Amino acid sequence: MKKEITFISDTHGKHKDLTPDLPGGWMIIHAGDVSNRGLVTEINEFTKWFSTLPYQHKIFIAGNHDFGFEEKKGGIIIPDNVIYLEDSEVVIDGIKIYGSPWQPEFFDWAFNLKRGEPLMDKWNMIPTDTDIIVTHGPAFGVLDNTIQGLRVGCEDLIRRILDVTPKIHVCGHIHYGYGMTKHFDVNFINAASLGERYTYDHKPIVVDYDEL
């Protein structure tokens, strides 16, 4: 089987709009903001849908809208065939995937930390042999442009990525930054599915892991 990975992010409760464009296959990874307001009902609606997708492996992290995870609210259901990562890793077919929801302070949203040491402490937890890094926010200077032209990614995250040099770094958060590029042998993906108006504007990004 081809190791094709489908990347999506920032579905904000509109995940069902993506269903016709999801090809199925080996793996799907969602880079956070599965909900709109972080309610347990919203999160469970997403995880139920996610669990039904025709992929062998289904992985996701939380984002700044997903308060239910940061607040450790009871009642969140993670189906047995779904993997949730929060400053944690999973190894599938020898590929180490590490997921973290944090990003630089952005208003009063979930999983916010100050730039500098607080965020660096989180990024230092990423193992040096990681193959795929999944964060909600982008790294500084890569797919982190806002519609106003500002670069808002995390400086400490790009430093850690360049230390680890994974094959893939995937994020979301900045909808305008959607796309894929390669720098320093790292394939960077911003998989934000919704556009600036929170409509489904960006197709899932599908790559063959072995061909990167």
N, C-alpha and C. Protein backbone atom coordinates (compact mmCIF):
# COMPACT_ATOMS: atom_id res chain seq x y z
N MET A 1 0.83 -1.20 0.00
CA MET A 1 0.00 0.00 0.00
C MET A 1 0.87 1.26 0.00
N LYS A 2 0.49 2.22 -0.83
CA LYS A 2 1.19 3.49 -0.84
C LYS A 2 0.99 4.20 0.50
N LYS A 3 2.04 4.86 0.97
CA LYS A 3 1.92 5.61 2.22
C LYS A 3 1.46 7.04 1.91
N GLU A 4 0.27 7.14 1.37
CA GLU A 4 -0.30 8.45 1.08
C GLU A 4 -0.92 9.03 2.33
N ILE A 5 -0.61 10.28 2.60
CA ILE A 5 -1.15 10.96 3.78
C ILE A 5 -1.98 12.15 3.31
N THR A 6 -3.20 12.23 3.85
CA THR A 6 -4.08 13.37 3.59
C THR A 6 -3.99 14.32 4.77
N PHE A 7 -3.73 15.60 4.49
CA PHE A 7 -3.60 16.62 5.53
C PHE A 7 -4.77 17.60 5.44
N ILE A 8 -5.41 17.84 6.60
CA ILE A 8 -6.46 18.85 6.70
C ILE A 8 -6.26 19.60 8.02
N SER A 9 -6.93 20.73 8.17
CA SER A 9 -6.83 21.50 9.41
C SER A 9 -7.92 22.55 9.43
N ASP A 10 -8.17 23.11 10.60
CA ASP A 10 -9.06 24.27 10.73
C ASP A 10 -10.39 24.04 10.03
N THR A 11 -11.05 22.96 10.42
CA THR A 11 -12.38 22.68 9.85
C THR A 11 -13.49 23.38 10.64
N HIS A 12 -13.24 23.73 11.88
CA HIS A 12 -14.15 24.58 12.67
C HIS A 12 -15.61 24.13 12.62
N GLY A 13 -15.82 22.83 12.74
CA GLY A 13 -17.19 22.31 12.74
C GLY A 13 -17.78 22.08 11.37
N LYS A 14 -17.05 22.43 10.32
CA LYS A 14 -17.56 22.26 8.95
C LYS A 14 -16.89 21.07 8.26
N HIS A 15 -16.46 20.11 9.07
CA HIS A 15 -15.71 18.96 8.55
C HIS A 15 -16.48 18.17 7.49
N LYS A 16 -17.80 18.11 7.61
CA LYS A 16 -18.58 17.30 6.65
C LYS A 16 -18.51 17.88 5.24
N ASP A 17 -18.20 19.17 5.12
CA ASP A 17 -18.05 19.77 3.80
C ASP A 17 -16.88 19.15 3.04
N LEU A 18 -15.91 18.60 3.77
CA LEU A 18 -14.72 18.04 3.15
C LEU A 18 -14.93 16.62 2.65
N THR A 19 -15.96 15.94 3.15
CA THR A 19 -16.11 14.50 2.91
C THR A 19 -15.97 14.10 1.44
N PRO A 20 -16.58 14.81 0.50
CA PRO A 20 -16.45 14.38 -0.91
C PRO A 20 -15.03 14.46 -1.45
N ASP A 21 -14.17 15.26 -0.82
CA ASP A 21 -12.81 15.46 -1.31
C ASP A 21 -11.77 14.64 -0.57
N LEU A 22 -12.22 13.74 0.30
CA LEU A 22 -11.28 12.92 1.06
C LEU A 22 -11.18 11.55 0.39
N PRO A 23 -10.01 11.22 -0.18
CA PRO A 23 -9.89 10.02 -1.01
C PRO A 23 -9.82 8.71 -0.24
N GLY A 24 -9.57 8.77 1.08
CA GLY A 24 -9.34 7.54 1.83
C GLY A 24 -7.93 7.03 1.57
N GLY A 25 -7.58 5.96 2.26
CA GLY A 25 -6.25 5.40 2.05
C GLY A 25 -5.52 5.11 3.35
N TRP A 26 -4.23 5.43 3.37
CA TRP A 26 -3.37 4.98 4.46
C TRP A 26 -3.51 5.81 5.72
N MET A 27 -3.45 7.16 5.61
CA MET A 27 -3.44 7.99 6.82
C MET A 27 -4.04 9.36 6.55
N ILE A 28 -4.71 9.90 7.56
CA ILE A 28 -5.16 11.29 7.53
C ILE A 28 -4.69 11.96 8.81
N ILE A 29 -4.22 13.20 8.68
CA ILE A 29 -3.76 13.99 9.84
C ILE A 29 -4.47 15.33 9.82
N HIS A 30 -5.07 15.69 10.96
CA HIS A 30 -5.77 16.97 11.13
C HIS A 30 -4.96 17.80 12.12
N ALA A 31 -4.61 19.04 11.71
CA ALA A 31 -3.70 19.86 12.52
C ALA A 31 -4.41 20.86 13.42
N GLY A 32 -5.60 20.55 13.87
CA GLY A 32 -6.23 21.35 14.93
C GLY A 32 -7.32 22.29 14.48
N ASP A 33 -8.05 22.82 15.49
CA ASP A 33 -9.28 23.59 15.30
C ASP A 33 -10.34 22.72 14.65
N VAL A 34 -10.66 21.64 15.35
CA VAL A 34 -11.72 20.74 14.88
C VAL A 34 -13.09 21.32 15.18
N SER A 35 -13.15 22.27 16.13
CA SER A 35 -14.42 22.84 16.57
C SER A 35 -14.43 24.35 16.34
N ASN A 36 -15.55 24.96 16.64
CA ASN A 36 -15.66 26.40 16.50
C ASN A 36 -15.49 27.10 17.84
N ARG A 37 -16.15 26.56 18.88
CA ARG A 37 -16.09 27.19 20.20
C ARG A 37 -15.52 26.27 21.28
N GLY A 38 -15.09 25.08 20.88
CA GLY A 38 -14.47 24.16 21.83
C GLY A 38 -15.43 23.41 22.71
N LEU A 39 -16.71 23.40 22.35
CA LEU A 39 -17.70 22.68 23.14
C LEU A 39 -17.51 21.17 22.99
N VAL A 40 -17.81 20.44 24.06
CA VAL A 40 -17.68 18.99 24.03
C VAL A 40 -18.55 18.40 22.93
N THR A 41 -19.75 18.94 22.76
CA THR A 41 -20.64 18.43 21.71
C THR A 41 -20.03 18.62 20.33
N GLU A 42 -19.40 19.76 20.11
CA GLU A 42 -18.75 20.01 18.82
C GLU A 42 -17.59 19.04 18.59
N ILE A 43 -16.79 18.86 19.63
CA ILE A 43 -15.63 17.98 19.51
C ILE A 43 -16.07 16.54 19.23
N ASN A 44 -17.08 16.09 19.94
CA ASN A 44 -17.55 14.71 19.75
C ASN A 44 -18.20 14.51 18.38
N GLU A 45 -18.80 15.55 17.86
CA GLU A 45 -19.37 15.48 16.52
C GLU A 45 -18.25 15.27 15.50
N PHE A 46 -17.15 16.00 15.74
CA PHE A 46 -15.98 15.83 14.85
C PHE A 46 -15.38 14.43 14.98
N THR A 47 -15.11 13.99 16.22
CA THR A 47 -14.42 12.71 16.38
C THR A 47 -15.25 11.54 15.85
N LYS A 48 -16.58 11.66 15.96
CA LYS A 48 -17.44 10.61 15.41
C LYS A 48 -17.29 10.56 13.89
N TRP A 49 -17.34 11.74 13.26
CA TRP A 49 -17.15 11.81 11.80
C TRP A 49 -15.76 11.31 11.40
N PHE A 50 -14.75 11.77 12.12
CA PHE A 50 -13.36 11.42 11.81
C PHE A 50 -13.17 9.91 11.87
N SER A 51 -13.81 9.28 12.83
CA SER A 51 -13.65 7.83 13.02
C SER A 51 -14.24 7.02 11.87
N THR A 52 -15.17 7.62 11.12
CA THR A 52 -15.82 6.90 10.03
C THR A 52 -15.07 7.03 8.70
N LEU A 53 -14.06 7.89 8.65
CA LEU A 53 -13.36 8.11 7.38
C LEU A 53 -12.58 6.86 6.96
N PRO A 54 -12.50 6.60 5.67
CA PRO A 54 -11.90 5.35 5.18
C PRO A 54 -10.38 5.39 5.11
N TYR A 55 -9.77 5.67 6.25
CA TYR A 55 -8.31 5.67 6.36
C TYR A 55 -7.88 4.62 7.37
N GLN A 56 -6.72 4.02 7.12
CA GLN A 56 -6.19 3.03 8.05
C GLN A 56 -5.78 3.67 9.37
N HIS A 57 -5.22 4.88 9.29
CA HIS A 57 -4.77 5.59 10.48
C HIS A 57 -5.33 7.00 10.47
N LYS A 58 -5.88 7.43 11.61
CA LYS A 58 -6.52 8.74 11.73
C LYS A 58 -5.96 9.45 12.95
N ILE A 59 -5.29 10.60 12.73
CA ILE A 59 -4.57 11.30 13.78
C ILE A 59 -4.99 12.76 13.78
N PHE A 60 -5.14 13.35 14.99
CA PHE A 60 -5.43 14.78 15.05
C PHE A 60 -4.87 15.39 16.32
N ILE A 61 -4.73 16.72 16.28
CA ILE A 61 -4.36 17.49 17.46
C ILE A 61 -5.43 18.56 17.68
N ALA A 62 -5.35 19.25 18.80
CA ALA A 62 -6.26 20.36 19.08
C ALA A 62 -5.65 21.66 18.55
N GLY A 63 -6.49 22.69 18.51
CA GLY A 63 -6.03 24.01 18.12
C GLY A 63 -6.56 25.06 19.07
N ASN A 64 -6.39 26.33 18.71
CA ASN A 64 -6.73 27.40 19.65
C ASN A 64 -8.24 27.57 19.87
N HIS A 65 -9.06 26.98 19.02
CA HIS A 65 -10.51 27.01 19.24
C HIS A 65 -10.99 25.85 20.13
N ASP A 66 -10.15 24.87 20.33
CA ASP A 66 -10.59 23.62 20.96
C ASP A 66 -10.41 23.63 22.48
N PHE A 67 -11.13 24.55 23.13
CA PHE A 67 -11.02 24.74 24.57
C PHE A 67 -11.28 23.46 25.36
N GLY A 68 -12.15 22.62 24.85
CA GLY A 68 -12.49 21.40 25.58
C GLY A 68 -11.30 20.55 25.93
N PHE A 69 -10.29 20.55 25.08
CA PHE A 69 -9.08 19.78 25.35
C PHE A 69 -8.18 20.47 26.36
N GLU A 70 -8.00 21.78 26.23
CA GLU A 70 -7.14 22.48 27.18
C GLU A 70 -7.74 22.45 28.58
N GLU A 71 -9.04 22.58 28.66
CA GLU A 71 -9.71 22.61 29.96
C GLU A 71 -9.99 21.22 30.51
N LYS A 72 -9.61 20.20 29.76
CA LYS A 72 -9.78 18.80 30.18
C LYS A 72 -11.23 18.51 30.57
N LYS A 73 -12.14 19.00 29.75
CA LYS A 73 -13.55 18.80 30.04
C LYS A 73 -13.92 17.32 29.91
N GLY A 74 -14.77 16.87 30.84
CA GLY A 74 -15.23 15.50 30.78
C GLY A 74 -16.20 15.30 29.62
N GLY A 75 -16.31 14.06 29.18
CA GLY A 75 -17.28 13.74 28.15
C GLY A 75 -16.74 13.72 26.75
N ILE A 76 -15.48 14.12 26.56
CA ILE A 76 -14.90 14.05 25.22
C ILE A 76 -14.64 12.59 24.87
N ILE A 77 -15.10 12.20 23.71
CA ILE A 77 -14.97 10.81 23.26
C ILE A 77 -13.96 10.71 22.13
N ILE A 78 -12.92 9.94 22.35
CA ILE A 78 -11.94 9.64 21.31
C ILE A 78 -12.15 8.18 20.91
N PRO A 79 -12.74 7.92 19.76
CA PRO A 79 -12.98 6.53 19.34
C PRO A 79 -11.69 5.71 19.29
N ASP A 80 -11.83 4.41 19.41
CA ASP A 80 -10.67 3.53 19.46
C ASP A 80 -9.80 3.59 18.22
N ASN A 81 -10.39 3.93 17.10
CA ASN A 81 -9.62 3.95 15.85
C ASN A 81 -9.11 5.35 15.49
N VAL A 82 -9.12 6.25 16.47
CA VAL A 82 -8.64 7.62 16.29
C VAL A 82 -7.53 7.88 17.30
N ILE A 83 -6.47 8.56 16.87
CA ILE A 83 -5.34 8.89 17.74
C ILE A 83 -5.31 10.40 17.96
N TYR A 84 -5.37 10.81 19.23
CA TYR A 84 -5.25 12.22 19.59
C TYR A 84 -3.88 12.44 20.20
N LEU A 85 -3.14 13.43 19.69
CA LEU A 85 -1.80 13.74 20.19
C LEU A 85 -1.81 15.11 20.87
N GLU A 86 -1.24 15.16 22.06
CA GLU A 86 -1.07 16.43 22.77
C GLU A 86 0.27 16.38 23.49
N ASP A 87 1.28 17.00 22.90
CA ASP A 87 2.66 16.89 23.38
C ASP A 87 3.02 15.41 23.55
N SER A 88 2.71 14.66 22.51
CA SER A 88 2.94 13.22 22.55
C SER A 88 3.20 12.70 21.14
N GLU A 89 3.56 11.43 21.07
CA GLU A 89 3.97 10.85 19.79
C GLU A 89 3.31 9.51 19.56
N VAL A 90 3.34 9.09 18.31
CA VAL A 90 2.92 7.74 17.93
C VAL A 90 3.83 7.30 16.81
N VAL A 91 4.15 6.01 16.79
CA VAL A 91 4.98 5.45 15.73
C VAL A 91 4.14 4.48 14.92
N ILE A 92 4.04 4.74 13.62
CA ILE A 92 3.25 3.91 12.72
C ILE A 92 4.13 3.48 11.55
N ASP A 93 4.28 2.19 11.38
CA ASP A 93 5.13 1.65 10.32
C ASP A 93 6.52 2.28 10.33
N GLY A 94 7.04 2.49 11.52
CA GLY A 94 8.39 3.04 11.68
C GLY A 94 8.48 4.54 11.52
N ILE A 95 7.35 5.23 11.30
CA ILE A 95 7.33 6.68 11.12
C ILE A 95 6.88 7.32 12.44
N LYS A 96 7.74 8.15 13.01
CA LYS A 96 7.41 8.78 14.29
C LYS A 96 6.71 10.12 14.04
N ILE A 97 5.51 10.24 14.59
CA ILE A 97 4.69 11.44 14.43
C ILE A 97 4.49 12.08 15.80
N TYR A 98 4.80 13.36 15.89
CA TYR A 98 4.69 14.09 17.16
C TYR A 98 3.71 15.24 16.96
N GLY A 99 2.77 15.39 17.91
CA GLY A 99 1.77 16.43 17.80
C GLY A 99 1.72 17.34 19.02
N SER A 100 1.54 18.65 18.77
CA SER A 100 1.46 19.64 19.85
C SER A 100 0.53 20.78 19.44
N PRO A 101 -0.37 21.22 20.34
CA PRO A 101 -1.37 22.22 19.98
C PRO A 101 -0.97 23.68 20.22
N TRP A 102 0.19 23.92 20.79
CA TRP A 102 0.52 25.27 21.28
C TRP A 102 0.86 26.23 20.16
N GLN A 103 0.68 27.53 20.45
CA GLN A 103 1.09 28.58 19.53
C GLN A 103 1.32 29.87 20.31
N PRO A 104 2.02 30.85 19.71
CA PRO A 104 2.22 32.13 20.40
C PRO A 104 0.89 32.78 20.75
N GLU A 105 0.89 33.54 21.84
CA GLU A 105 -0.33 34.19 22.34
C GLU A 105 -1.11 34.85 21.21
N PHE A 106 -2.40 34.54 21.16
CA PHE A 106 -3.28 35.04 20.12
C PHE A 106 -4.63 35.33 20.76
N PHE A 107 -4.83 36.59 21.16
CA PHE A 107 -6.02 36.98 21.92
C PHE A 107 -6.18 36.04 23.12
N ASP A 108 -7.40 35.68 23.47
CA ASP A 108 -7.62 34.86 24.67
C ASP A 108 -8.09 33.47 24.28
N TRP A 109 -7.35 32.84 23.34
CA TRP A 109 -7.76 31.53 22.86
C TRP A 109 -7.06 30.41 23.64
N ALA A 110 -7.38 29.19 23.28
CA ALA A 110 -6.80 28.03 23.96
C ALA A 110 -5.37 27.78 23.51
N PHE A 111 -4.63 27.08 24.34
CA PHE A 111 -3.26 26.64 24.05
C PHE A 111 -2.35 27.79 23.63
N ASN A 112 -2.49 28.92 24.32
CA ASN A 112 -1.63 30.08 24.10
C ASN A 112 -0.46 30.08 25.06
N LEU A 113 0.72 30.42 24.58
CA LEU A 113 1.88 30.61 25.44
C LEU A 113 2.67 31.81 24.94
N LYS A 114 3.40 32.45 25.86
CA LYS A 114 4.24 33.58 25.47
C LYS A 114 5.40 33.08 24.61
N ARG A 115 5.80 33.93 23.67
CA ARG A 115 6.97 33.62 22.87
C ARG A 115 8.21 33.55 23.77
N GLY A 116 9.18 32.80 23.33
CA GLY A 116 10.38 32.66 24.12
C GLY A 116 10.37 31.37 24.93
N GLU A 117 10.83 31.43 26.14
CA GLU A 117 11.05 30.22 26.95
C GLU A 117 9.81 29.34 27.11
N PRO A 118 8.59 29.90 27.39
CA PRO A 118 7.44 29.01 27.56
C PRO A 118 7.18 28.13 26.34
N LEU A 119 7.28 28.71 25.14
CA LEU A 119 7.07 27.91 23.93
C LEU A 119 8.27 27.02 23.64
N MET A 120 9.46 27.52 23.88
CA MET A 120 10.65 26.72 23.62
C MET A 120 10.65 25.45 24.47
N ASP A 121 10.14 25.56 25.70
CA ASP A 121 10.05 24.38 26.56
C ASP A 121 9.17 23.31 25.91
N LYS A 122 8.11 23.73 25.25
CA LYS A 122 7.22 22.78 24.56
C LYS A 122 7.93 22.17 23.35
N TRP A 123 8.59 23.03 22.56
CA TRP A 123 9.22 22.51 21.34
C TRP A 123 10.41 21.61 21.66
N ASN A 124 11.06 21.85 22.79
CA ASN A 124 12.19 20.99 23.16
C ASN A 124 11.75 19.57 23.49
N MET A 125 10.44 19.39 23.71
CA MET A 125 9.91 18.05 23.96
C MET A 125 9.84 17.20 22.69
N ILE A 126 9.96 17.84 21.53
CA ILE A 126 9.89 17.10 20.27
C ILE A 126 11.15 16.25 20.11
N PRO A 127 11.01 14.94 20.01
CA PRO A 127 12.19 14.07 19.88
C PRO A 127 12.98 14.39 18.61
N THR A 128 14.29 14.23 18.69
CA THR A 128 15.15 14.58 17.56
C THR A 128 15.00 13.61 16.38
N ASP A 129 14.38 12.45 16.61
CA ASP A 129 14.20 11.48 15.52
C ASP A 129 12.77 11.49 14.98
N THR A 130 12.06 12.60 15.18
CA THR A 130 10.69 12.71 14.69
C THR A 130 10.67 12.85 13.17
N ASP A 131 9.75 12.15 12.53
CA ASP A 131 9.62 12.20 11.08
C ASP A 131 8.56 13.19 10.61
N ILE A 132 7.47 13.29 11.38
CA ILE A 132 6.39 14.23 11.05
C ILE A 132 6.05 15.02 12.31
N ILE A 133 6.21 16.34 12.24
CA ILE A 133 5.81 17.22 13.34
C ILE A 133 4.49 17.86 12.98
N VAL A 134 3.52 17.75 13.90
CA VAL A 134 2.20 18.34 13.70
C VAL A 134 2.00 19.39 14.79
N THR A 135 1.89 20.65 14.39
CA THR A 135 1.57 21.71 15.34
C THR A 135 0.39 22.50 14.77
N HIS A 136 -0.33 23.17 15.67
CA HIS A 136 -1.44 23.95 15.14
C HIS A 136 -0.94 25.23 14.46
N GLY A 137 -0.04 25.92 15.11
CA GLY A 137 0.48 27.16 14.55
C GLY A 137 1.67 26.92 13.64
N PRO A 138 1.91 27.83 12.70
CA PRO A 138 3.04 27.69 11.79
C PRO A 138 4.36 28.13 12.41
N ALA A 139 5.43 27.73 11.76
CA ALA A 139 6.76 28.21 12.12
C ALA A 139 6.99 29.57 11.47
N PHE A 140 7.82 30.37 12.10
CA PHE A 140 8.07 31.72 11.58
C PHE A 140 8.70 31.67 10.19
N GLY A 141 8.13 32.47 9.28
CA GLY A 141 8.72 32.62 7.95
C GLY A 141 8.30 31.60 6.93
N VAL A 142 7.45 30.64 7.34
CA VAL A 142 7.03 29.59 6.40
C VAL A 142 5.52 29.42 6.48
N LEU A 143 4.83 29.80 5.43
CA LEU A 143 3.37 29.63 5.34
C LEU A 143 2.66 30.25 6.54
N ASP A 144 3.19 31.39 7.00
CA ASP A 144 2.62 32.04 8.18
C ASP A 144 2.16 33.47 7.89
N ASN A 145 2.01 33.81 6.62
CA ASN A 145 1.56 35.15 6.25
C ASN A 145 0.07 35.32 6.50
N THR A 146 -0.31 36.42 7.14
CA THR A 146 -1.72 36.76 7.27
C THR A 146 -2.15 37.52 6.02
N ILE A 147 -3.45 37.74 5.88
CA ILE A 147 -3.96 38.48 4.73
C ILE A 147 -3.44 39.92 4.73
N GLN A 148 -3.02 40.40 5.90
CA GLN A 148 -2.44 41.75 6.00
C GLN A 148 -0.95 41.76 5.65
N GLY A 149 -0.38 40.58 5.38
CA GLY A 149 1.03 40.50 5.02
C GLY A 149 1.97 40.36 6.19
N LEU A 150 1.43 40.10 7.37
CA LEU A 150 2.26 39.94 8.57
C LEU A 150 2.69 38.48 8.72
N ARG A 151 3.93 38.27 9.15
CA ARG A 151 4.40 36.93 9.47
C ARG A 151 4.22 36.71 10.97
N VAL A 152 3.43 35.71 11.33
CA VAL A 152 3.04 35.54 12.73
C VAL A 152 3.46 34.18 13.31
N GLY A 153 4.24 33.43 12.57
CA GLY A 153 4.68 32.13 13.06
C GLY A 153 5.64 32.24 14.23
N CYS A 154 5.97 31.09 14.79
CA CYS A 154 6.80 31.03 16.00
C CYS A 154 8.29 30.88 15.64
N GLU A 155 9.09 31.83 16.11
CA GLU A 155 10.53 31.80 15.85
C GLU A 155 11.20 30.60 16.51
N ASP A 156 10.77 30.26 17.70
CA ASP A 156 11.39 29.13 18.40
C ASP A 156 11.01 27.80 17.74
N LEU A 157 9.82 27.74 17.15
CA LEU A 157 9.41 26.51 16.47
C LEU A 157 10.28 26.27 15.23
N ILE A 158 10.55 27.30 14.45
CA ILE A 158 11.38 27.08 13.26
C ILE A 158 12.78 26.64 13.66
N ARG A 159 13.29 27.18 14.77
CA ARG A 159 14.61 26.74 15.23
C ARG A 159 14.61 25.24 15.57
N ARG A 160 13.56 24.81 16.27
CA ARG A 160 13.49 23.40 16.65
C ARG A 160 13.30 22.51 15.43
N ILE A 161 12.48 22.95 14.49
CA ILE A 161 12.28 22.16 13.27
C ILE A 161 13.60 21.99 12.53
N LEU A 162 14.38 23.04 12.45
CA LEU A 162 15.65 22.95 11.74
C LEU A 162 16.66 22.10 12.50
N ASP A 163 16.52 22.00 13.82
CA ASP A 163 17.36 21.08 14.61
C ASP A 163 16.96 19.63 14.34
N VAL A 164 15.66 19.38 14.33
CA VAL A 164 15.14 18.02 14.18
C VAL A 164 15.19 17.56 12.73
N THR A 165 14.95 18.48 11.79
CA THR A 165 14.82 18.21 10.36
C THR A 165 13.92 17.00 10.06
N PRO A 166 12.63 17.11 10.43
CA PRO A 166 11.69 16.05 10.08
C PRO A 166 11.47 16.03 8.57
N LYS A 167 10.86 14.99 8.08
CA LYS A 167 10.51 14.98 6.66
C LYS A 167 9.37 15.95 6.39
N ILE A 168 8.43 16.05 7.36
CA ILE A 168 7.25 16.91 7.18
C ILE A 168 6.97 17.70 8.44
N HIS A 169 6.65 18.98 8.28
CA HIS A 169 6.00 19.76 9.35
C HIS A 169 4.68 20.23 8.80
N VAL A 170 3.59 19.92 9.52
CA VAL A 170 2.26 20.35 9.09
C VAL A 170 1.62 21.19 10.17
N CYS A 171 0.92 22.24 9.75
CA CYS A 171 0.25 23.14 10.66
C CYS A 171 -1.05 23.61 10.03
N GLY A 172 -1.68 24.56 10.68
CA GLY A 172 -2.87 25.24 10.16
C GLY A 172 -2.88 26.64 10.75
N HIS A 173 -3.99 26.98 11.42
CA HIS A 173 -4.12 28.20 12.22
C HIS A 173 -4.24 29.46 11.36
N ILE A 174 -3.27 29.72 10.51
CA ILE A 174 -3.31 30.89 9.63
C ILE A 174 -3.92 30.46 8.30
N HIS A 175 -5.22 30.68 8.15
CA HIS A 175 -5.94 30.18 6.98
C HIS A 175 -5.32 30.69 5.68
N TYR A 176 -4.87 31.93 5.69
CA TYR A 176 -4.32 32.56 4.49
C TYR A 176 -3.00 31.92 4.07
N GLY A 177 -2.36 31.19 4.99
CA GLY A 177 -1.06 30.58 4.72
C GLY A 177 -1.13 29.22 4.06
N TYR A 178 -2.32 28.77 3.69
CA TYR A 178 -2.51 27.45 3.09
C TYR A 178 -1.52 27.20 1.94
N GLY A 179 -0.97 25.99 1.94
CA GLY A 179 -0.09 25.60 0.85
C GLY A 179 1.00 24.65 1.29
N MET A 180 1.94 24.41 0.40
CA MET A 180 3.03 23.48 0.68
C MET A 180 4.30 24.01 0.03
N THR A 181 5.42 23.90 0.76
CA THR A 181 6.71 24.35 0.24
C THR A 181 7.80 23.51 0.90
N LYS A 182 9.00 23.61 0.37
CA LYS A 182 10.12 22.84 0.93
C LYS A 182 11.30 23.76 1.19
N HIS A 183 11.84 23.67 2.41
CA HIS A 183 13.02 24.42 2.81
C HIS A 183 13.91 23.52 3.65
N PHE A 184 15.21 23.56 3.41
CA PHE A 184 16.17 22.84 4.25
C PHE A 184 15.80 21.36 4.40
N ASP A 185 15.33 20.76 3.31
CA ASP A 185 14.95 19.33 3.27
C ASP A 185 13.73 19.01 4.12
N VAL A 186 13.01 20.01 4.57
CA VAL A 186 11.76 19.80 5.31
C VAL A 186 10.59 20.20 4.41
N ASN A 187 9.59 19.34 4.29
CA ASN A 187 8.37 19.65 3.55
C ASN A 187 7.39 20.32 4.51
N PHE A 188 7.14 21.60 4.29
CA PHE A 188 6.24 22.37 5.14
C PHE A 188 4.85 22.41 4.50
N ILE A 189 3.83 22.13 5.32
CA ILE A 189 2.45 22.13 4.84
C ILE A 189 1.59 22.96 5.79
N ASN A 190 0.85 23.91 5.24
CA ASN A 190 -0.24 24.56 5.99
C ASN A 190 -1.51 24.02 5.37
N ALA A 191 -2.24 23.21 6.13
CA ALA A 191 -3.38 22.47 5.61
C ALA A 191 -4.73 23.09 5.96
N ALA A 192 -4.75 24.38 6.32
CA ALA A 192 -6.01 25.03 6.72
C ALA A 192 -7.08 24.83 5.66
N SER A 193 -8.17 24.22 6.04
CA SER A 193 -9.22 23.88 5.08
C SER A 193 -10.17 25.04 4.79
N LEU A 194 -10.39 25.89 5.78
CA LEU A 194 -11.28 27.02 5.59
C LEU A 194 -10.48 28.27 5.23
N GLY A 195 -11.13 29.17 4.50
CA GLY A 195 -10.50 30.42 4.13
C GLY A 195 -10.74 31.49 5.17
N GLU A 196 -10.46 32.72 4.80
CA GLU A 196 -10.59 33.84 5.73
C GLU A 196 -12.03 34.05 6.19
N ARG A 197 -12.99 33.69 5.37
CA ARG A 197 -14.40 33.87 5.71
C ARG A 197 -15.01 32.61 6.34
N TYR A 198 -14.16 31.67 6.72
CA TYR A 198 -14.58 30.43 7.37
C TYR A 198 -15.52 29.61 6.48
N THR A 199 -15.23 29.66 5.18
CA THR A 199 -15.90 28.77 4.23
C THR A 199 -14.87 27.78 3.71
N TYR A 200 -15.35 26.63 3.25
CA TYR A 200 -14.44 25.58 2.78
C TYR A 200 -13.86 25.99 1.43
N ASP A 201 -12.64 26.52 1.47
CA ASP A 201 -11.99 27.05 0.27
C ASP A 201 -10.77 26.25 -0.18
N HIS A 202 -10.17 25.48 0.72
CA HIS A 202 -8.88 24.84 0.44
C HIS A 202 -9.00 23.32 0.48
N LYS A 203 -8.65 22.69 -0.60
CA LYS A 203 -8.75 21.23 -0.71
C LYS A 203 -7.73 20.54 0.20
N PRO A 204 -8.04 19.33 0.65
CA PRO A 204 -7.05 18.55 1.40
C PRO A 204 -5.76 18.40 0.59
N ILE A 205 -4.65 18.38 1.30
CA ILE A 205 -3.34 18.19 0.67
C ILE A 205 -2.93 16.73 0.85
N VAL A 206 -2.68 16.05 -0.26
CA VAL A 206 -2.34 14.62 -0.23
C VAL A 206 -0.93 14.43 -0.76
N VAL A 207 -0.10 13.73 0.00
CA VAL A 207 1.27 13.45 -0.42
C VAL A 207 1.58 11.97 -0.24
N ASP A 208 2.50 11.47 -1.04
CA ASP A 208 3.03 10.13 -0.88
C ASP A 208 4.30 10.25 -0.04
N TYR A 209 4.25 9.74 1.17
CA TYR A 209 5.36 9.91 2.11
C TYR A 209 6.67 9.40 1.53
N ASP A 210 6.64 8.30 0.83
CA ASP A 210 7.87 7.68 0.31
C ASP A 210 8.45 8.44 -0.88
N GLU A 211 7.67 9.33 -1.47
CA GLU A 211 8.15 10.06 -2.65
C GLU A 211 8.64 11.47 -2.31
N LEU A 212 8.52 11.88 -1.05
CA LEU A 212 8.97 13.21 -0.66
C LEU A 212 10.50 13.27 -0.58
